[in-house]
Amino acid sequence: MLTVLNAIVNMPPRKPYNPNTAYGRRKRREEAQKYYDNLPPSQKAEVDSWSMGCLIAIVIIVLLIGFISGNMRGAVKWLSH
């Protein structure tokens, strides 16, 4: 039994997964979700406020570009997808 435990403890580290594969992207998503779930509420609120601020900024920029270029229909269509 001791040799089995010793073998487990002394195992070489696993090869890291490739983040460019579906498995790697899924593992990265799971790690990010686990990290977010373990944040205290104050840090979650900060992350959420930054995310919402970035989303609002992107929407404003797209609408501004659509207004300047005169293609407002295209900008709204792009935002709706």
N, C-alpha and C. Protein backbone atom coordinates (compact mmCIF):
# COMPACT_ATOMS: atom_id res chain seq x y z
N MET A 1 0.83 -1.19 0.00
CA MET A 1 0.00 0.00 0.00
C MET A 1 0.87 1.25 0.00
N LEU A 2 1.96 1.21 0.73
CA LEU A 2 2.83 2.37 0.80
C LEU A 2 3.46 2.68 -0.55
N THR A 3 3.80 1.66 -1.32
CA THR A 3 4.40 1.91 -2.63
C THR A 3 3.39 2.54 -3.59
N VAL A 4 2.13 2.15 -3.47
CA VAL A 4 1.10 2.74 -4.33
C VAL A 4 0.94 4.22 -3.99
N LEU A 5 0.87 4.54 -2.70
CA LEU A 5 0.75 5.94 -2.31
C LEU A 5 1.99 6.73 -2.71
N ASN A 6 3.15 6.14 -2.58
CA ASN A 6 4.39 6.81 -2.97
C ASN A 6 4.40 7.06 -4.48
N ALA A 7 3.88 6.11 -5.25
CA ALA A 7 3.83 6.28 -6.69
C ALA A 7 2.86 7.39 -7.07
N ILE A 8 1.74 7.50 -6.35
CA ILE A 8 0.77 8.56 -6.64
C ILE A 8 1.36 9.92 -6.31
N VAL A 9 2.04 10.03 -5.19
CA VAL A 9 2.62 11.30 -4.76
C VAL A 9 3.73 11.73 -5.73
N ASN A 10 4.50 10.79 -6.23
CA ASN A 10 5.64 11.11 -7.08
C ASN A 10 5.31 11.05 -8.57
N MET A 11 4.02 11.11 -8.92
CA MET A 11 3.64 11.07 -10.34
C MET A 11 4.12 12.33 -11.05
N PRO A 12 4.54 12.20 -12.26
CA PRO A 12 4.92 13.41 -13.00
C PRO A 12 3.67 14.24 -13.27
N PRO A 13 3.82 15.54 -13.38
CA PRO A 13 2.63 16.38 -13.62
C PRO A 13 2.03 16.08 -14.98
N ARG A 14 0.71 16.23 -15.07
CA ARG A 14 0.02 15.97 -16.33
C ARG A 14 0.39 17.03 -17.35
N LYS A 15 0.38 16.63 -18.58
CA LYS A 15 0.62 17.58 -19.66
C LYS A 15 -0.55 18.57 -19.68
N PRO A 16 -0.28 19.87 -19.72
CA PRO A 16 -1.39 20.83 -19.72
C PRO A 16 -2.22 20.69 -21.00
N TYR A 17 -3.50 20.95 -20.85
CA TYR A 17 -4.38 20.82 -22.01
C TYR A 17 -4.19 21.99 -22.96
N ASN A 18 -4.52 21.76 -24.22
CA ASN A 18 -4.39 22.77 -25.26
C ASN A 18 -5.63 23.67 -25.22
N PRO A 19 -5.46 24.98 -24.96
CA PRO A 19 -6.64 25.86 -24.89
C PRO A 19 -7.29 26.11 -26.25
N ASN A 20 -6.69 25.63 -27.33
CA ASN A 20 -7.25 25.85 -28.66
C ASN A 20 -8.14 24.71 -29.12
N THR A 21 -8.42 23.76 -28.25
CA THR A 21 -9.31 22.66 -28.60
C THR A 21 -10.62 22.83 -27.84
N ALA A 22 -11.63 22.10 -28.24
CA ALA A 22 -12.93 22.19 -27.57
C ALA A 22 -12.79 21.79 -26.10
N TYR A 23 -12.01 20.75 -25.82
CA TYR A 23 -11.79 20.31 -24.45
C TYR A 23 -11.10 21.41 -23.64
N GLY A 24 -10.09 22.03 -24.23
CA GLY A 24 -9.35 23.08 -23.54
C GLY A 24 -10.22 24.30 -23.26
N ARG A 25 -11.04 24.68 -24.25
CA ARG A 25 -11.93 25.81 -24.03
C ARG A 25 -12.95 25.50 -22.95
N ARG A 26 -13.46 24.27 -22.92
CA ARG A 26 -14.42 23.88 -21.88
C ARG A 26 -13.76 23.92 -20.50
N LYS A 27 -12.53 23.41 -20.40
CA LYS A 27 -11.84 23.42 -19.12
C LYS A 27 -11.57 24.86 -18.65
N ARG A 28 -11.20 25.75 -19.58
CA ARG A 28 -10.97 27.14 -19.22
C ARG A 28 -12.27 27.80 -18.75
N ARG A 29 -13.40 27.50 -19.43
CA ARG A 29 -14.69 28.02 -19.01
C ARG A 29 -15.04 27.54 -17.61
N GLU A 30 -14.81 26.25 -17.36
CA GLU A 30 -15.11 25.68 -16.04
C GLU A 30 -14.24 26.32 -14.95
N GLU A 31 -12.95 26.52 -15.26
CA GLU A 31 -12.06 27.15 -14.29
C GLU A 31 -12.50 28.58 -14.00
N ALA A 32 -12.88 29.31 -15.05
CA ALA A 32 -13.33 30.70 -14.87
C ALA A 32 -14.62 30.74 -14.06
N GLN A 33 -15.54 29.83 -14.32
CA GLN A 33 -16.79 29.81 -13.57
C GLN A 33 -16.54 29.46 -12.11
N LYS A 34 -15.63 28.51 -11.87
CA LYS A 34 -15.30 28.13 -10.49
C LYS A 34 -14.65 29.31 -9.76
N TYR A 35 -13.76 30.04 -10.46
CA TYR A 35 -13.12 31.21 -9.87
C TYR A 35 -14.17 32.27 -9.52
N TYR A 36 -15.09 32.53 -10.45
CA TYR A 36 -16.13 33.53 -10.22
C TYR A 36 -17.05 33.12 -9.08
N ASP A 37 -17.41 31.85 -9.02
CA ASP A 37 -18.29 31.37 -7.96
C ASP A 37 -17.66 31.50 -6.58
N ASN A 38 -16.33 31.43 -6.50
CA ASN A 38 -15.64 31.51 -5.21
C ASN A 38 -15.30 32.93 -4.79
N LEU A 39 -15.63 33.93 -5.60
CA LEU A 39 -15.36 35.31 -5.24
C LEU A 39 -16.34 35.77 -4.16
N PRO A 40 -15.87 36.65 -3.29
CA PRO A 40 -16.81 37.24 -2.33
C PRO A 40 -17.78 38.18 -3.06
N PRO A 41 -18.93 38.45 -2.47
CA PRO A 41 -19.95 39.28 -3.15
C PRO A 41 -19.46 40.65 -3.59
N SER A 42 -18.56 41.26 -2.83
CA SER A 42 -18.08 42.59 -3.21
C SER A 42 -17.26 42.53 -4.50
N GLN A 43 -16.43 41.49 -4.65
CA GLN A 43 -15.64 41.36 -5.87
C GLN A 43 -16.52 40.93 -7.04
N LYS A 44 -17.55 40.13 -6.79
CA LYS A 44 -18.49 39.77 -7.86
C LYS A 44 -19.19 41.01 -8.39
N ALA A 45 -19.58 41.90 -7.49
CA ALA A 45 -20.24 43.14 -7.90
C ALA A 45 -19.30 43.99 -8.75
N GLU A 46 -18.03 44.01 -8.37
CA GLU A 46 -17.05 44.79 -9.14
C GLU A 46 -16.87 44.20 -10.54
N VAL A 47 -16.76 42.89 -10.63
CA VAL A 47 -16.61 42.23 -11.93
C VAL A 47 -17.85 42.47 -12.79
N ASP A 48 -19.02 42.35 -12.18
CA ASP A 48 -20.26 42.57 -12.92
C ASP A 48 -20.38 44.01 -13.41
N SER A 49 -19.96 44.96 -12.59
CA SER A 49 -20.06 46.36 -13.02
C SER A 49 -19.10 46.66 -14.16
N TRP A 50 -17.90 46.09 -14.13
CA TRP A 50 -16.95 46.27 -15.24
C TRP A 50 -17.51 45.64 -16.51
N SER A 51 -18.09 44.46 -16.39
CA SER A 51 -18.64 43.78 -17.57
C SER A 51 -19.78 44.59 -18.18
N MET A 52 -20.66 45.09 -17.35
CA MET A 52 -21.79 45.89 -17.85
C MET A 52 -21.29 47.19 -18.46
N GLY A 53 -20.30 47.81 -17.85
CA GLY A 53 -19.74 49.04 -18.40
C GLY A 53 -19.13 48.83 -19.78
N CYS A 54 -18.41 47.73 -19.94
CA CYS A 54 -17.82 47.42 -21.25
C CYS A 54 -18.90 47.14 -22.28
N LEU A 55 -19.94 46.43 -21.90
CA LEU A 55 -21.04 46.14 -22.83
C LEU A 55 -21.73 47.42 -23.28
N ILE A 56 -21.99 48.32 -22.35
CA ILE A 56 -22.63 49.59 -22.70
C ILE A 56 -21.73 50.41 -23.60
N ALA A 57 -20.43 50.44 -23.33
CA ALA A 57 -19.49 51.19 -24.17
C ALA A 57 -19.47 50.64 -25.59
N ILE A 58 -19.49 49.33 -25.75
CA ILE A 58 -19.48 48.72 -27.09
C ILE A 58 -20.75 49.08 -27.84
N VAL A 59 -21.90 49.02 -27.17
CA VAL A 59 -23.17 49.36 -27.83
C VAL A 59 -23.15 50.83 -28.27
N ILE A 60 -22.68 51.72 -27.42
CA ILE A 60 -22.63 53.14 -27.77
C ILE A 60 -21.69 53.37 -28.95
N ILE A 61 -20.55 52.71 -28.96
CA ILE A 61 -19.60 52.88 -30.07
C ILE A 61 -20.20 52.39 -31.37
N VAL A 62 -20.85 51.24 -31.36
CA VAL A 62 -21.46 50.71 -32.58
C VAL A 62 -22.57 51.64 -33.08
N LEU A 63 -23.41 52.14 -32.18
CA LEU A 63 -24.46 53.05 -32.59
C LEU A 63 -23.88 54.37 -33.11
N LEU A 64 -22.81 54.85 -32.50
CA LEU A 64 -22.16 56.06 -32.97
C LEU A 64 -21.57 55.87 -34.36
N ILE A 65 -20.92 54.75 -34.59
CA ILE A 65 -20.37 54.46 -35.93
C ILE A 65 -21.49 54.35 -36.95
N GLY A 66 -22.59 53.71 -36.56
CA GLY A 66 -23.73 53.60 -37.47
C GLY A 66 -24.34 54.95 -37.78
N PHE A 67 -24.41 55.84 -36.79
CA PHE A 67 -24.97 57.17 -37.00
C PHE A 67 -24.06 58.01 -37.89
N ILE A 68 -22.74 57.94 -37.65
CA ILE A 68 -21.79 58.72 -38.44
C ILE A 68 -21.74 58.23 -39.89
N SER A 69 -21.77 56.92 -40.08
CA SER A 69 -21.68 56.38 -41.43
C SER A 69 -23.01 56.44 -42.17
N GLY A 70 -24.08 56.72 -41.48
CA GLY A 70 -25.39 56.79 -42.11
C GLY A 70 -26.02 55.43 -42.33
N ASN A 71 -25.45 54.41 -41.76
CA ASN A 71 -25.97 53.05 -41.92
C ASN A 71 -26.49 52.56 -40.57
N MET A 72 -27.48 53.25 -40.05
CA MET A 72 -28.01 52.91 -38.74
C MET A 72 -28.68 51.54 -38.75
N ARG A 73 -29.32 51.19 -39.85
CA ARG A 73 -29.98 49.89 -39.95
C ARG A 73 -28.95 48.76 -39.82
N GLY A 74 -27.80 48.92 -40.46
CA GLY A 74 -26.75 47.90 -40.36
C GLY A 74 -26.20 47.77 -38.95
N ALA A 75 -26.05 48.92 -38.27
CA ALA A 75 -25.53 48.88 -36.89
C ALA A 75 -26.52 48.19 -35.97
N VAL A 76 -27.80 48.48 -36.11
CA VAL A 76 -28.81 47.84 -35.27
C VAL A 76 -28.90 46.35 -35.58
N LYS A 77 -28.78 46.01 -36.86
CA LYS A 77 -28.79 44.59 -37.24
C LYS A 77 -27.60 43.87 -36.63
N TRP A 78 -26.41 44.51 -36.66
CA TRP A 78 -25.23 43.88 -36.09
C TRP A 78 -25.40 43.69 -34.58
N LEU A 79 -25.97 44.68 -33.92
CA LEU A 79 -26.18 44.56 -32.47
C LEU A 79 -27.19 43.48 -32.11
N SER A 80 -28.17 43.25 -32.99
CA SER A 80 -29.21 42.28 -32.67
C SER A 80 -28.74 40.84 -32.83
N HIS A 81 -27.63 40.63 -33.48
CA HIS A 81 -27.14 39.26 -33.65
C HIS A 81 -26.33 38.88 -32.51
